[in-house]
Amino acid sequence: MGAQWKAKHKDIAANVRGRVFGKLVKEILVAARGGADPAMNSRLRLAVEQARKASMPKDTLERAIKRGAGLTDEPVNFEQVIYEGFAPHQVAVMVECLTDNVRRTAPEMRVLFRKGQLGASGAVAWDFDHLGMIEAEPTAKGIDPEEAAIEAGAQDLEAGEEEGTTLFYTDPSELDLVSKALATHGFNVLSAKLGYKAKNPVSAASLSAEALEEVEAFLAAIDENDDVQNVYVALTD
């Protein structure tokens, strides 16, 4: 869970699908500011691919692109804000938000961080690497992830969250390039985005069962906030 924390058993929550779509729509709205054509806008292309894999309805997807690109009368005022601090037991956390009202989001984050510690900008960012993150799965048996990483230009790799997947790390500026290259070296790209990877993660095994439960409860509460896009935590299995 070192690269990006994902809530356990999220698939059983009735509102998960709506939350996923909500986050994807926000990403599309912001990405489409750079142009409505995915072929000319790599961030939008990646967001559209994610939306399609999540089975987002076509009309919802097209409406979000048009709105984000300024082709409708509906204003788009989302901005990215990152909150840094610690979960219980001094586990570093970076929370990436897309919000249309920072005055609402900021106090909500302060409340959520009461069981941890909210820090100022830069409080924990120094202990994270900003990287491109590509989650992919082989299209056939026997394909070597390490060989594909070298050929595609990835910097590093590790086992993905889902069985059989691999998480490839890239320089932020090469995310789109490596994502396309992996597709030509036997991998189906499931997701690709910029994110944060902890340099010195805490081992979950070093925490008691009770302490780990407190950390996961804290992270789950953060993740459920509507303005939160991604949660990155310095914790490894």
Protein backbone atom coordinates (compact mmCIF):
# COMPACT_ATOMS: atom_id res chain seq x y z
CA MET A 1 0.00 0.00 0.00
CA GLY A 2 3.06 2.23 -0.15
CA ALA A 3 2.31 4.08 -3.40
CA GLN A 4 -1.37 4.80 -3.02
CA TRP A 5 -3.65 3.66 -0.25
CA LYS A 6 -6.82 1.86 -1.34
CA ALA A 7 -9.61 1.11 1.07
CA LYS A 8 -10.24 -2.56 1.77
CA HIS A 9 -13.56 -4.05 0.74
CA LYS A 10 -14.58 -0.85 -1.09
CA ASP A 11 -16.41 -2.99 -3.64
CA ILE A 12 -19.13 -3.82 -1.11
CA ALA A 13 -20.08 -0.20 -0.43
CA ALA A 14 -23.28 0.88 -2.18
CA ASN A 15 -21.99 4.37 -2.95
CA VAL A 16 -18.56 3.37 -4.27
CA ARG A 17 -19.54 3.51 -7.95
CA GLY A 18 -20.89 7.04 -7.53
CA ARG A 19 -17.73 8.18 -5.73
CA VAL A 20 -15.51 6.67 -8.42
CA PHE A 21 -17.47 8.41 -11.16
CA GLY A 22 -17.41 11.67 -9.20
CA LYS A 23 -13.62 11.58 -8.93
CA LEU A 24 -13.21 10.66 -12.59
CA VAL A 25 -15.52 13.48 -13.70
CA LYS A 26 -13.48 15.99 -11.70
CA GLU A 27 -10.26 14.76 -13.28
CA ILE A 28 -11.80 15.00 -16.76
CA LEU A 29 -13.10 18.52 -16.06
CA VAL A 30 -9.65 19.71 -15.04
CA ALA A 31 -7.81 17.79 -17.76
CA ALA A 32 -10.10 19.13 -20.50
CA ARG A 33 -8.92 22.67 -19.79
CA GLY A 34 -5.94 21.72 -21.94
CA GLY A 35 -8.20 20.92 -24.91
CA ALA A 36 -11.18 18.73 -25.70
CA ASP A 37 -9.31 16.37 -28.05
CA PRO A 38 -7.81 13.40 -26.14
CA ALA A 39 -5.41 12.78 -29.04
CA MET A 40 -3.82 16.19 -28.40
CA ASN A 41 -4.18 16.21 -24.60
CA SER A 42 -2.36 13.35 -22.85
CA ARG A 43 -3.84 14.06 -19.40
CA LEU A 44 -7.35 14.00 -20.84
CA ARG A 45 -6.63 10.83 -22.84
CA LEU A 46 -5.53 8.99 -19.70
CA ALA A 47 -8.58 10.25 -17.78
CA VAL A 48 -10.91 9.14 -20.59
CA GLU A 49 -9.31 5.69 -20.63
CA GLN A 50 -9.86 5.39 -16.87
CA ALA A 51 -13.49 6.47 -17.24
CA ARG A 52 -14.16 3.93 -19.99
CA LYS A 53 -12.59 1.12 -17.96
CA ALA A 54 -14.86 2.11 -15.07
CA SER A 55 -17.85 1.83 -17.48
CA MET A 56 -18.79 5.49 -17.22
CA PRO A 57 -21.81 6.22 -19.46
CA LYS A 58 -20.81 7.81 -22.77
CA ASP A 59 -23.07 10.86 -22.32
CA THR A 60 -21.61 11.54 -18.85
CA LEU A 61 -18.09 11.34 -20.26
CA GLU A 62 -18.80 13.59 -23.25
CA ARG A 63 -20.64 16.15 -21.13
CA ALA A 64 -17.69 16.35 -18.70
CA ILE A 65 -15.22 16.89 -21.56
CA LYS A 66 -17.32 19.67 -23.11
CA ARG A 67 -17.85 21.37 -19.77
CA GLY A 68 -14.17 21.20 -18.84
CA ALA A 69 -13.12 22.56 -22.23
CA GLY A 70 -15.46 25.53 -21.82
CA LEU A 71 -17.87 24.42 -24.55
CA THR A 72 -20.94 24.80 -22.33
CA ASP A 73 -22.31 27.58 -20.12
CA GLU A 74 -21.46 25.67 -16.93
CA PRO A 75 -18.42 27.13 -15.14
CA VAL A 76 -15.57 24.90 -13.92
CA ASN A 77 -13.66 26.22 -10.93
CA PHE A 78 -11.86 23.18 -9.54
CA GLU A 79 -8.34 23.56 -8.21
CA GLN A 80 -5.85 21.01 -6.90
CA VAL A 81 -4.87 21.27 -3.25
CA ILE A 82 -2.53 18.93 -1.37
CA TYR A 83 -2.75 18.44 2.39
CA GLU A 84 0.19 16.92 4.25
CA GLY A 85 0.52 15.45 7.69
CA PHE A 86 0.49 12.27 9.72
CA ALA A 87 -2.00 9.51 10.35
CA PRO A 88 -1.99 8.01 13.87
CA HIS A 89 1.37 6.55 14.94
CA GLN A 90 3.35 9.05 12.84
CA VAL A 91 2.59 7.52 9.45
CA ALA A 92 3.16 10.23 6.83
CA VAL A 93 0.25 11.02 4.51
CA MET A 94 -0.30 13.18 1.44
CA VAL A 95 -3.90 13.90 0.46
CA GLU A 96 -4.62 15.14 -3.06
CA CYS A 97 -7.88 17.06 -3.46
CA LEU A 98 -9.77 18.64 -6.35
CA THR A 99 -12.16 21.20 -4.93
CA ASP A 100 -14.38 24.03 -6.09
CA ASN A 101 -14.35 25.57 -2.61
CA VAL A 102 -11.13 25.55 -0.57
CA ARG A 103 -12.95 27.36 2.25
CA ARG A 104 -15.08 24.23 2.62
CA THR A 105 -12.35 21.66 2.07
CA ALA A 106 -9.73 23.14 4.42
CA PRO A 107 -11.82 22.97 7.63
CA GLU A 108 -13.05 19.50 6.66
CA MET A 109 -9.45 18.34 6.38
CA ARG A 110 -8.60 19.89 9.75
CA VAL A 111 -11.43 17.90 11.34
CA LEU A 112 -10.38 14.66 9.61
CA PHE A 113 -6.77 15.12 10.73
CA ARG A 114 -7.69 15.51 14.40
CA LYS A 115 -6.84 11.87 15.02
CA GLY A 116 -3.51 12.47 13.32
CA GLN A 117 -1.59 15.66 12.70
CA LEU A 118 -2.11 18.16 9.87
CA GLY A 119 1.13 19.79 8.77
CA ALA A 120 2.06 22.84 6.71
CA SER A 121 3.01 22.63 3.04
CA GLY A 122 6.27 20.67 2.76
CA ALA A 123 5.85 18.97 6.15
CA VAL A 124 6.15 15.47 4.68
CA ALA A 125 6.52 16.09 0.93
CA TRP A 126 10.31 15.88 1.29
CA ASP A 127 9.92 12.20 2.19
CA PHE A 128 7.97 11.35 -0.99
CA ASP A 129 9.06 11.10 -4.62
CA HIS A 130 6.77 12.65 -7.23
CA LEU A 131 6.50 10.05 -9.98
CA GLY A 132 4.46 8.75 -12.86
CA MET A 133 2.57 5.61 -11.82
CA ILE A 134 1.34 3.08 -14.36
CA GLU A 135 -0.63 0.03 -13.29
CA ALA A 136 -0.66 -2.63 -16.01
CA GLU A 137 -1.24 -6.33 -16.58
CA PRO A 138 0.41 -8.66 -19.11
CA THR A 139 -1.62 -9.55 -22.17
CA ALA A 140 -0.23 -13.10 -22.17
CA LYS A 141 1.58 -15.53 -19.88
CA GLY A 142 5.34 -15.44 -19.69
CA ILE A 143 5.84 -11.73 -20.34
CA ASP A 144 8.66 -10.41 -18.15
CA PRO A 145 7.74 -7.15 -16.35
CA GLU A 146 11.39 -6.23 -15.75
CA GLU A 147 12.27 -6.60 -19.41
CA ALA A 148 9.20 -4.57 -20.40
CA ALA A 149 10.16 -1.86 -17.90
CA ILE A 150 13.64 -1.56 -19.40
CA GLU A 151 12.36 -1.52 -22.98
CA ALA A 152 9.61 1.02 -22.20
CA GLY A 153 11.86 3.34 -20.20
CA ALA A 154 10.32 2.90 -16.74
CA GLN A 155 12.51 3.80 -13.76
CA ASP A 156 11.33 1.06 -11.40
CA LEU A 157 8.54 -1.42 -10.81
CA GLU A 158 6.82 -3.43 -8.09
CA ALA A 159 3.88 -5.80 -7.75
CA GLY A 160 0.55 -4.03 -8.20
CA GLU A 161 -2.39 -3.95 -5.79
CA GLU A 162 -4.30 -6.57 -7.77
CA GLU A 163 -2.88 -10.05 -8.33
CA GLY A 164 -1.06 -10.34 -11.63
CA THR A 165 -0.62 -6.59 -12.11
CA THR A 166 2.58 -4.55 -12.03
CA LEU A 167 3.07 -0.93 -10.95
CA PHE A 168 5.64 0.83 -13.13
CA TYR A 169 7.29 4.08 -11.99
CA THR A 170 8.43 6.78 -14.40
CA ASP A 171 9.80 10.29 -14.46
CA PRO A 172 6.73 12.60 -14.32
CA SER A 173 7.52 14.04 -17.74
CA GLU A 174 7.63 10.56 -19.32
CA LEU A 175 4.34 9.18 -18.00
CA ASP A 176 2.51 9.28 -21.32
CA LEU A 177 5.54 8.08 -23.30
CA VAL A 178 6.15 5.04 -21.07
CA SER A 179 2.43 4.27 -20.90
CA LYS A 180 2.28 4.02 -24.69
CA ALA A 181 5.53 2.02 -24.84
CA LEU A 182 4.30 -0.57 -22.34
CA ALA A 183 1.33 -1.25 -24.59
CA THR A 184 3.78 -2.27 -27.34
CA HIS A 185 5.72 -4.56 -24.98
CA GLY A 186 2.93 -6.90 -23.94
CA PHE A 187 1.13 -4.93 -21.23
CA ASN A 188 -2.42 -3.66 -20.97
CA VAL A 189 -2.36 -0.33 -19.12
CA LEU A 190 -5.09 -0.17 -16.45
CA SER A 191 -4.30 3.29 -15.10
CA ALA A 192 -1.65 5.98 -15.49
CA LYS A 193 -1.22 9.13 -13.43
CA LEU A 194 1.16 11.27 -11.43
CA GLY A 195 1.44 10.47 -7.74
CA TYR A 196 3.66 10.22 -4.68
CA LYS A 197 5.75 7.30 -3.43
CA ALA A 198 7.15 7.29 0.10
CA LYS A 199 10.94 7.14 0.39
CA ASN A 200 10.95 5.64 3.90
CA PRO A 201 7.63 3.87 4.49
CA VAL A 202 6.69 2.39 7.86
CA SER A 203 6.27 -1.38 7.80
CA ALA A 204 2.74 -2.45 8.70
CA ALA A 205 4.31 -5.42 10.49
CA SER A 206 5.95 -3.02 12.94
CA LEU A 207 2.54 -1.80 14.13
CA SER A 208 0.26 -3.67 16.49
CA ALA A 209 -3.06 -4.90 15.12
CA GLU A 210 -4.82 -2.16 17.07
CA ALA A 211 -2.47 0.55 15.79
CA LEU A 212 -2.84 -0.62 12.18
CA GLU A 213 -6.62 -0.59 12.56
CA GLU A 214 -6.45 3.03 13.79
CA VAL A 215 -4.33 4.02 10.79
CA GLU A 216 -6.69 2.31 8.33
CA ALA A 217 -9.77 3.87 9.95
CA PHE A 218 -8.14 7.30 9.64
CA LEU A 219 -7.30 6.71 5.96
CA ALA A 220 -10.79 5.40 5.20
CA ALA A 221 -12.36 8.55 6.66
CA ILE A 222 -10.05 10.73 4.56
CA ASP A 223 -10.80 8.75 1.40
CA GLU A 224 -14.56 9.11 1.86
CA ASN A 225 -14.40 12.91 1.61
CA ASP A 226 -15.91 14.02 -1.70
CA ASP A 227 -13.05 16.42 -2.48
CA VAL A 228 -10.32 13.80 -2.05
CA GLN A 229 -8.91 12.35 -5.27
CA ASN A 230 -5.98 10.28 -3.99
CA VAL A 231 -4.40 9.35 -0.65
CA TYR A 232 -0.69 8.50 -0.53
CA VAL A 233 0.67 6.97 2.65
CA ALA A 234 4.12 5.99 3.90
CA LEU A 235 3.09 2.49 4.87
CA THR A 236 4.16 -0.78 3.31
CA ASP A 237 3.04 -4.37 3.78
